Amino acid sequence: MSTEEKAMDAQNNDTAALQAGDATDTENMLDNESTTGGNQGQSSENTDSESESGSVEAKVPQFSNLNDTAKSMTPASMSRFLDVSVQVSAELGSIKMPIGDVLQLSEGSVIELNRNLSEPVNLVAQGVRIAKGEVVVIDDCFAIRIREIESNEGY
């Protein structure tokens, strides 16, 4: 008898045992599955222990308590991050436009932003506003004179 025929035979025995509700046939069904490979993907150790005990034992994992390291960060422990580079940019303003209008932009187009000339610009590091300031010019380059540093509350 081929392996496929044995598996089909075992499957037919399983169905008959379930319909009859006979405990002896059910035990035979478990034995047939373990010998014919009916439990593919499971190790033989699991199959044997499950058929002997009739149940699977589940355990709840135990985890150690985590310490809140954010509050214990001191300037000394932060010193290793002082040489890490981040992207810093200045946001002059923004506007929401339909994509059709964006596609019609060309050289010489003017877009009016949502910020008045007298309002400070945002200084942003890695997408997070860190300060507000005013635009100045130094040696023909734009620069920001910081007027207000954002608080760290909420971080």
N, C-alpha and C. Protein backbone atom coordinates (compact mmCIF):
# COMPACT_ATOMS: atom_id res chain seq x y z
N MET A 1 0.85 -1.18 0.00
CA MET A 1 0.00 0.00 0.00
C MET A 1 0.90 1.24 0.00
N SER A 2 0.64 2.21 -0.91
CA SER A 2 1.47 3.40 -1.01
C SER A 2 1.20 4.35 0.16
N THR A 3 2.07 5.33 0.32
CA THR A 3 1.92 6.31 1.39
C THR A 3 0.63 7.10 1.22
N GLU A 4 0.30 7.44 -0.02
CA GLU A 4 -0.95 8.19 -0.27
C GLU A 4 -2.16 7.35 0.10
N GLU A 5 -2.12 6.04 -0.25
CA GLU A 5 -3.24 5.16 0.08
C GLU A 5 -3.39 5.01 1.58
N LYS A 6 -2.24 4.92 2.30
CA LYS A 6 -2.28 4.82 3.76
C LYS A 6 -2.89 6.08 4.37
N ALA A 7 -2.51 7.23 3.82
CA ALA A 7 -3.05 8.48 4.34
C ALA A 7 -4.54 8.58 4.09
N MET A 8 -4.98 8.17 2.89
CA MET A 8 -6.42 8.18 2.58
C MET A 8 -7.17 7.22 3.49
N ASP A 9 -6.58 6.03 3.72
CA ASP A 9 -7.20 5.03 4.58
C ASP A 9 -7.31 5.56 6.00
N ALA A 10 -6.24 6.22 6.48
CA ALA A 10 -6.26 6.80 7.83
C ALA A 10 -7.30 7.90 7.93
N GLN A 11 -7.44 8.69 6.88
CA GLN A 11 -8.44 9.76 6.88
C GLN A 11 -9.85 9.17 6.93
N ASN A 12 -10.08 8.09 6.18
CA ASN A 12 -11.40 7.44 6.20
C ASN A 12 -11.68 6.86 7.58
N ASN A 13 -10.64 6.27 8.22
CA ASN A 13 -10.80 5.74 9.58
C ASN A 13 -11.13 6.86 10.56
N ASP A 14 -10.49 8.03 10.37
CA ASP A 14 -10.75 9.19 11.23
C ASP A 14 -12.21 9.59 11.15
N THR A 15 -12.73 9.67 9.94
CA THR A 15 -14.11 10.08 9.73
C THR A 15 -15.07 9.08 10.36
N ALA A 16 -14.79 7.79 10.17
CA ALA A 16 -15.65 6.76 10.73
C ALA A 16 -15.63 6.80 12.25
N ALA A 17 -14.45 7.02 12.83
CA ALA A 17 -14.32 7.07 14.28
C ALA A 17 -15.08 8.25 14.86
N LEU A 18 -15.00 9.40 14.17
CA LEU A 18 -15.71 10.58 14.67
C LEU A 18 -17.22 10.39 14.59
N GLN A 19 -17.67 9.75 13.53
CA GLN A 19 -19.11 9.52 13.38
C GLN A 19 -19.62 8.53 14.41
N ALA A 20 -18.85 7.50 14.72
CA ALA A 20 -19.28 6.49 15.68
C ALA A 20 -19.14 6.98 17.11
N GLY A 21 -18.21 7.91 17.32
CA GLY A 21 -18.02 8.45 18.67
C GLY A 21 -17.38 7.45 19.60
N ASP A 22 -16.69 6.47 19.07
CA ASP A 22 -16.07 5.43 19.87
C ASP A 22 -14.70 5.89 20.34
N ALA A 23 -14.44 5.87 21.62
CA ALA A 23 -13.17 6.34 22.18
C ALA A 23 -12.02 5.47 21.72
N THR A 24 -12.27 4.16 21.56
CA THR A 24 -11.21 3.26 21.12
C THR A 24 -10.79 3.60 19.70
N ASP A 25 -11.76 3.85 18.84
CA ASP A 25 -11.44 4.23 17.46
C ASP A 25 -10.70 5.57 17.42
N THR A 26 -11.04 6.46 18.32
CA THR A 26 -10.36 7.75 18.36
C THR A 26 -8.90 7.58 18.72
N GLU A 27 -8.60 6.69 19.69
CA GLU A 27 -7.20 6.41 20.02
C GLU A 27 -6.48 5.81 18.83
N ASN A 28 -7.15 4.90 18.11
CA ASN A 28 -6.55 4.32 16.91
C ASN A 28 -6.30 5.39 15.86
N MET A 29 -7.22 6.35 15.77
CA MET A 29 -7.07 7.44 14.81
C MET A 29 -5.79 8.22 15.12
N LEU A 30 -5.54 8.52 16.39
CA LEU A 30 -4.33 9.22 16.77
C LEU A 30 -3.09 8.40 16.44
N ASP A 31 -3.16 7.09 16.69
CA ASP A 31 -2.03 6.22 16.37
C ASP A 31 -1.80 6.17 14.86
N ASN A 32 -2.86 6.10 14.08
CA ASN A 32 -2.74 6.06 12.62
C ASN A 32 -2.12 7.33 12.09
N GLU A 33 -2.53 8.49 12.64
CA GLU A 33 -1.97 9.76 12.18
C GLU A 33 -0.48 9.84 12.47
N SER A 34 -0.08 9.34 13.62
CA SER A 34 1.34 9.43 13.96
C SER A 34 2.18 8.49 13.11
N THR A 35 1.62 7.35 12.68
CA THR A 35 2.40 6.42 11.87
C THR A 35 2.34 6.75 10.39
N THR A 36 1.29 7.42 9.92
CA THR A 36 1.16 7.73 8.48
C THR A 36 1.57 9.14 8.15
N GLY A 37 2.00 9.91 9.11
CA GLY A 37 2.41 11.29 8.82
C GLY A 37 1.23 12.23 8.76
N GLY A 38 0.13 11.90 9.38
CA GLY A 38 -1.05 12.75 9.36
C GLY A 38 -0.85 14.07 10.06
N ASN A 39 0.15 14.15 10.90
CA ASN A 39 0.44 15.39 11.61
C ASN A 39 1.66 16.05 10.99
N GLN A 40 1.57 16.40 9.76
CA GLN A 40 2.69 17.03 9.09
C GLN A 40 2.96 18.39 9.71
N GLY A 41 4.25 18.72 9.87
CA GLY A 41 4.62 19.99 10.46
C GLY A 41 4.79 19.92 11.96
N GLN A 42 4.38 18.78 12.60
CA GLN A 42 4.57 18.65 14.03
C GLN A 42 5.64 17.60 14.28
N SER A 43 6.41 17.79 15.32
CA SER A 43 7.42 16.80 15.65
C SER A 43 6.77 15.59 16.26
N SER A 44 7.43 14.44 16.18
CA SER A 44 6.87 13.22 16.74
C SER A 44 6.79 13.31 18.26
N GLU A 45 7.67 14.12 18.87
CA GLU A 45 7.63 14.28 20.32
C GLU A 45 6.32 14.91 20.75
N ASN A 46 5.87 15.95 20.04
CA ASN A 46 4.61 16.62 20.38
C ASN A 46 3.44 15.66 20.20
N THR A 47 3.46 14.88 19.13
CA THR A 47 2.35 13.96 18.85
C THR A 47 2.24 12.93 19.95
N ASP A 48 3.38 12.34 20.39
CA ASP A 48 3.36 11.33 21.42
C ASP A 48 2.86 11.89 22.74
N SER A 49 3.36 13.08 23.12
CA SER A 49 2.96 13.64 24.41
C SER A 49 1.51 14.07 24.39
N GLU A 50 1.03 14.53 23.24
CA GLU A 50 -0.37 14.95 23.17
C GLU A 50 -1.29 13.74 23.24
N SER A 51 -0.92 12.62 22.58
CA SER A 51 -1.80 11.46 22.58
C SER A 51 -1.81 10.79 23.96
N GLU A 52 -0.68 10.84 24.69
CA GLU A 52 -0.64 10.23 26.01
C GLU A 52 -1.42 11.06 27.02
N SER A 53 -1.22 12.38 27.03
CA SER A 53 -1.85 13.21 28.04
C SER A 53 -3.23 13.69 27.61
N GLY A 54 -3.46 13.81 26.31
CA GLY A 54 -4.76 14.25 25.83
C GLY A 54 -4.92 15.75 25.80
N SER A 55 -3.93 16.53 26.25
CA SER A 55 -4.03 17.98 26.21
C SER A 55 -2.65 18.60 26.03
N VAL A 56 -2.64 19.85 25.67
CA VAL A 56 -1.40 20.60 25.48
C VAL A 56 -1.26 21.56 26.65
N GLU A 57 -0.07 21.62 27.22
CA GLU A 57 0.16 22.50 28.36
C GLU A 57 0.65 23.86 27.86
N ALA A 58 -0.01 24.92 28.28
CA ALA A 58 0.38 26.28 27.92
C ALA A 58 0.95 26.97 29.15
N LYS A 59 2.04 27.69 28.94
CA LYS A 59 2.67 28.40 30.05
C LYS A 59 2.67 29.90 29.77
N VAL A 60 2.47 30.70 30.80
CA VAL A 60 2.51 32.15 30.69
C VAL A 60 3.96 32.59 30.87
N PRO A 61 4.49 33.38 29.92
CA PRO A 61 5.88 33.81 30.06
C PRO A 61 6.03 34.81 31.22
N GLN A 62 7.19 34.78 31.86
CA GLN A 62 7.50 35.69 32.94
C GLN A 62 8.51 36.71 32.44
N PHE A 63 8.21 37.99 32.57
CA PHE A 63 9.09 39.06 32.13
C PHE A 63 9.56 39.87 33.33
N SER A 64 10.78 40.33 33.27
CA SER A 64 11.28 41.19 34.33
C SER A 64 10.73 42.60 34.14
N ASN A 65 10.66 43.37 35.21
CA ASN A 65 10.16 44.74 35.15
C ASN A 65 11.16 45.62 34.42
N LEU A 66 10.65 46.54 33.62
CA LEU A 66 11.50 47.48 32.90
C LEU A 66 11.65 48.75 33.71
N ASN A 67 12.83 49.32 33.69
CA ASN A 67 13.07 50.59 34.38
C ASN A 67 12.82 51.73 33.41
N ASP A 68 12.32 52.84 33.89
CA ASP A 68 12.08 54.02 33.06
C ASP A 68 13.41 54.74 32.89
N THR A 69 14.09 54.47 31.79
CA THR A 69 15.42 55.05 31.57
C THR A 69 15.34 56.48 31.08
N ALA A 70 14.19 56.92 30.54
CA ALA A 70 14.08 58.29 30.03
C ALA A 70 14.27 59.31 31.15
N LYS A 71 13.77 59.01 32.34
CA LYS A 71 13.90 59.94 33.45
C LYS A 71 15.31 59.93 34.03
N SER A 72 16.03 58.82 33.85
CA SER A 72 17.36 58.73 34.43
C SER A 72 18.45 59.21 33.49
N MET A 73 18.08 59.73 32.30
CA MET A 73 19.09 60.22 31.36
C MET A 73 19.68 61.52 31.89
N THR A 74 20.96 61.52 32.12
CA THR A 74 21.66 62.70 32.59
C THR A 74 22.50 63.25 31.45
N PRO A 75 22.95 64.49 31.56
CA PRO A 75 23.81 65.04 30.51
C PRO A 75 25.03 64.17 30.24
N ALA A 76 25.56 63.51 31.26
CA ALA A 76 26.72 62.64 31.07
C ALA A 76 26.37 61.44 30.20
N SER A 77 25.17 60.86 30.41
CA SER A 77 24.78 59.70 29.61
C SER A 77 24.37 60.11 28.19
N MET A 78 24.02 61.36 27.99
CA MET A 78 23.66 61.85 26.65
C MET A 78 24.88 62.23 25.83
N SER A 79 26.04 62.30 26.44
CA SER A 79 27.24 62.77 25.74
C SER A 79 27.60 61.93 24.54
N ARG A 80 27.24 60.66 24.53
CA ARG A 80 27.58 59.81 23.39
C ARG A 80 26.78 60.18 22.14
N PHE A 81 25.71 60.94 22.28
CA PHE A 81 24.88 61.33 21.14
C PHE A 81 25.24 62.72 20.59
N LEU A 82 26.15 63.43 21.21
CA LEU A 82 26.43 64.80 20.82
C LEU A 82 27.04 64.94 19.44
N ASP A 83 27.67 63.91 18.91
CA ASP A 83 28.27 63.98 17.58
C ASP A 83 27.36 63.42 16.48
N VAL A 84 26.15 63.01 16.82
CA VAL A 84 25.20 62.49 15.82
C VAL A 84 24.64 63.66 15.02
N SER A 85 24.67 63.54 13.69
CA SER A 85 24.16 64.61 12.82
C SER A 85 22.68 64.41 12.54
N VAL A 86 21.93 65.51 12.56
CA VAL A 86 20.51 65.50 12.22
C VAL A 86 20.26 66.57 11.17
N GLN A 87 19.22 66.38 10.37
CA GLN A 87 18.84 67.35 9.35
C GLN A 87 18.05 68.49 10.00
N VAL A 88 18.54 69.71 9.85
CA VAL A 88 17.87 70.89 10.39
C VAL A 88 17.46 71.77 9.22
N SER A 89 16.20 72.22 9.22
CA SER A 89 15.72 73.08 8.13
C SER A 89 14.84 74.18 8.69
N ALA A 90 14.60 75.20 7.86
CA ALA A 90 13.74 76.31 8.23
C ALA A 90 12.50 76.27 7.36
N GLU A 91 11.34 76.38 7.96
CA GLU A 91 10.08 76.39 7.24
C GLU A 91 9.58 77.82 7.14
N LEU A 92 9.56 78.34 5.93
CA LEU A 92 9.07 79.70 5.71
C LEU A 92 7.55 79.75 5.75
N GLY A 93 6.92 78.67 5.37
CA GLY A 93 5.46 78.60 5.33
C GLY A 93 5.04 77.45 4.45
N SER A 94 3.74 77.27 4.30
CA SER A 94 3.23 76.18 3.46
C SER A 94 1.87 76.59 2.90
N ILE A 95 1.40 75.78 1.98
CA ILE A 95 0.08 75.99 1.39
C ILE A 95 -0.42 74.65 0.87
N LYS A 96 -1.72 74.45 0.91
CA LYS A 96 -2.33 73.24 0.37
C LYS A 96 -2.89 73.59 -1.00
N MET A 97 -2.47 72.82 -2.02
CA MET A 97 -2.89 73.10 -3.39
C MET A 97 -3.40 71.83 -4.05
N PRO A 98 -4.39 71.97 -4.94
CA PRO A 98 -4.80 70.80 -5.74
C PRO A 98 -3.65 70.38 -6.65
N ILE A 99 -3.53 69.10 -6.90
CA ILE A 99 -2.43 68.61 -7.72
C ILE A 99 -2.46 69.18 -9.13
N GLY A 100 -3.65 69.50 -9.61
CA GLY A 100 -3.76 70.12 -10.94
C GLY A 100 -3.04 71.46 -10.99
N ASP A 101 -3.16 72.25 -9.90
CA ASP A 101 -2.46 73.54 -9.83
C ASP A 101 -0.95 73.35 -9.73
N VAL A 102 -0.53 72.33 -8.99
CA VAL A 102 0.90 72.05 -8.85
C VAL A 102 1.49 71.69 -10.21
N LEU A 103 0.76 70.90 -10.99
CA LEU A 103 1.25 70.49 -12.30
C LEU A 103 1.34 71.66 -13.29
N GLN A 104 0.59 72.73 -13.04
CA GLN A 104 0.62 73.89 -13.93
C GLN A 104 1.71 74.90 -13.56
N LEU A 105 2.45 74.66 -12.47
CA LEU A 105 3.52 75.58 -12.07
C LEU A 105 4.64 75.56 -13.12
N SER A 106 5.21 76.74 -13.33
CA SER A 106 6.33 76.85 -14.26
C SER A 106 7.31 77.89 -13.73
N GLU A 107 8.41 78.08 -14.43
CA GLU A 107 9.38 79.10 -14.00
C GLU A 107 8.70 80.46 -13.95
N GLY A 108 8.91 81.18 -12.88
CA GLY A 108 8.31 82.49 -12.71
C GLY A 108 7.00 82.47 -11.95
N SER A 109 6.42 81.27 -11.70
CA SER A 109 5.17 81.18 -10.92
C SER A 109 5.44 81.64 -9.49
N VAL A 110 4.45 82.28 -8.89
CA VAL A 110 4.56 82.76 -7.51
C VAL A 110 3.50 82.04 -6.68
N ILE A 111 3.92 81.49 -5.54
CA ILE A 111 3.01 80.81 -4.62
C ILE A 111 2.99 81.59 -3.33
N GLU A 112 1.81 82.00 -2.91
CA GLU A 112 1.67 82.74 -1.65
C GLU A 112 1.55 81.74 -0.51
N LEU A 113 2.43 81.85 0.48
CA LEU A 113 2.44 80.93 1.62
C LEU A 113 1.54 81.44 2.74
N ASN A 114 1.30 80.59 3.73
CA ASN A 114 0.37 80.92 4.82
C ASN A 114 1.02 81.67 5.98
N ARG A 115 2.19 82.25 5.79
CA ARG A 115 2.89 82.93 6.87
C ARG A 115 3.14 84.39 6.49
N ASN A 116 2.81 85.31 7.41
CA ASN A 116 3.07 86.73 7.17
C ASN A 116 4.56 87.02 7.30
N LEU A 117 4.98 88.12 6.70
CA LEU A 117 6.39 88.51 6.73
C LEU A 117 6.88 88.75 8.15
N SER A 118 6.00 89.25 9.03
CA SER A 118 6.40 89.56 10.40
C SER A 118 6.42 88.32 11.32
N GLU A 119 5.82 87.21 10.89
CA GLU A 119 5.79 86.00 11.71
C GLU A 119 7.14 85.29 11.68
N PRO A 120 7.51 84.68 12.81
CA PRO A 120 8.77 83.93 12.83
C PRO A 120 8.66 82.64 12.00
N VAL A 121 9.79 82.18 11.50
CA VAL A 121 9.83 80.91 10.77
C VAL A 121 10.14 79.80 11.76
N ASN A 122 9.77 78.58 11.39
CA ASN A 122 10.02 77.43 12.25
C ASN A 122 11.37 76.81 11.93
N LEU A 123 12.14 76.52 12.95
CA LEU A 123 13.38 75.77 12.80
C LEU A 123 13.05 74.33 13.18
N VAL A 124 13.29 73.39 12.25
CA VAL A 124 12.85 72.00 12.41
C VAL A 124 14.05 71.07 12.34
N ALA A 125 14.14 70.13 13.29
CA ALA A 125 15.19 69.10 13.28
C ALA A 125 14.52 67.74 13.18
N GLN A 126 14.84 67.00 12.12
CA GLN A 126 14.27 65.68 11.88
C GLN A 126 12.74 65.70 11.95
N GLY A 127 12.13 66.75 11.41
CA GLY A 127 10.67 66.85 11.37
C GLY A 127 10.02 67.37 12.62
N VAL A 128 10.80 67.73 13.64
CA VAL A 128 10.25 68.22 14.90
C VAL A 128 10.67 69.69 15.08
N ARG A 129 9.66 70.56 15.32
CA ARG A 129 9.98 71.97 15.53
C ARG A 129 10.74 72.13 16.83
N ILE A 130 11.91 72.77 16.74
CA ILE A 130 12.73 72.97 17.94
C ILE A 130 12.84 74.44 18.34
N ALA A 131 12.55 75.34 17.37
CA ALA A 131 12.67 76.77 17.69
C ALA A 131 11.92 77.58 16.65
N LYS A 132 11.76 78.88 16.96
CA LYS A 132 11.20 79.86 16.04
C LYS A 132 12.20 81.00 15.94
N GLY A 133 12.25 81.62 14.77
CA GLY A 133 13.20 82.71 14.60
C GLY A 133 12.87 83.57 13.41
N GLU A 134 13.78 84.49 13.11
CA GLU A 134 13.58 85.39 11.98
C GLU A 134 14.69 85.18 10.96
N VAL A 135 14.35 85.39 9.70
CA VAL A 135 15.32 85.21 8.62
C VAL A 135 16.23 86.43 8.57
N VAL A 136 17.52 86.16 8.51
CA VAL A 136 18.53 87.21 8.36
C VAL A 136 19.47 86.80 7.22
N VAL A 137 20.28 87.72 6.77
CA VAL A 137 21.24 87.44 5.70
C VAL A 137 22.64 87.66 6.25
N ILE A 138 23.50 86.65 6.07
CA ILE A 138 24.90 86.74 6.49
C ILE A 138 25.77 86.34 5.31
N ASP A 139 26.60 87.27 4.82
CA ASP A 139 27.49 87.00 3.68
C ASP A 139 26.73 86.39 2.50
N ASP A 140 25.65 87.01 2.10
CA ASP A 140 24.82 86.57 0.97
C ASP A 140 24.18 85.19 1.17
N CYS A 141 24.07 84.72 2.40
CA CYS A 141 23.40 83.45 2.70
C CYS A 141 22.28 83.70 3.71
N PHE A 142 21.20 82.96 3.57
CA PHE A 142 20.13 83.04 4.56
C PHE A 142 20.58 82.41 5.86
N ALA A 143 20.07 82.94 6.97
CA ALA A 143 20.34 82.39 8.30
C ALA A 143 19.11 82.64 9.15
N ILE A 144 19.05 82.01 10.29
CA ILE A 144 17.92 82.17 11.22
C ILE A 144 18.46 82.69 12.54
N ARG A 145 17.88 83.79 13.00
CA ARG A 145 18.18 84.29 14.35
C ARG A 145 17.09 83.72 15.25
N ILE A 146 17.49 82.87 16.19
CA ILE A 146 16.52 82.19 17.06
C ILE A 146 15.97 83.17 18.08
N ARG A 147 14.63 83.20 18.14
CA ARG A 147 13.93 84.09 19.07
C ARG A 147 13.23 83.31 20.18
N GLU A 148 12.91 82.02 19.93
CA GLU A 148 12.17 81.24 20.93
C GLU A 148 12.52 79.77 20.75
N ILE A 149 12.93 79.12 21.85
CA ILE A 149 13.22 77.69 21.86
C ILE A 149 11.97 76.96 22.34
N GLU A 150 11.60 75.90 21.63
CA GLU A 150 10.42 75.10 22.02
C GLU A 150 10.73 74.35 23.31
N SER A 151 9.70 74.15 24.13
CA SER A 151 9.88 73.41 25.38
C SER A 151 9.94 71.92 25.09
N ASN A 152 10.47 71.15 26.02
CA ASN A 152 10.58 69.70 25.88
C ASN A 152 9.37 68.97 26.43
N GLU A 153 8.34 69.69 26.87
CA GLU A 153 7.17 69.05 27.46
C GLU A 153 6.51 68.14 26.45
N GLY A 154 6.12 66.95 26.91
CA GLY A 154 5.47 65.98 26.04
C GLY A 154 6.43 65.03 25.38
N TYR A 155 7.71 65.17 25.65
CA TYR A 155 8.70 64.24 25.05
C TYR A 155 9.35 63.41 26.11
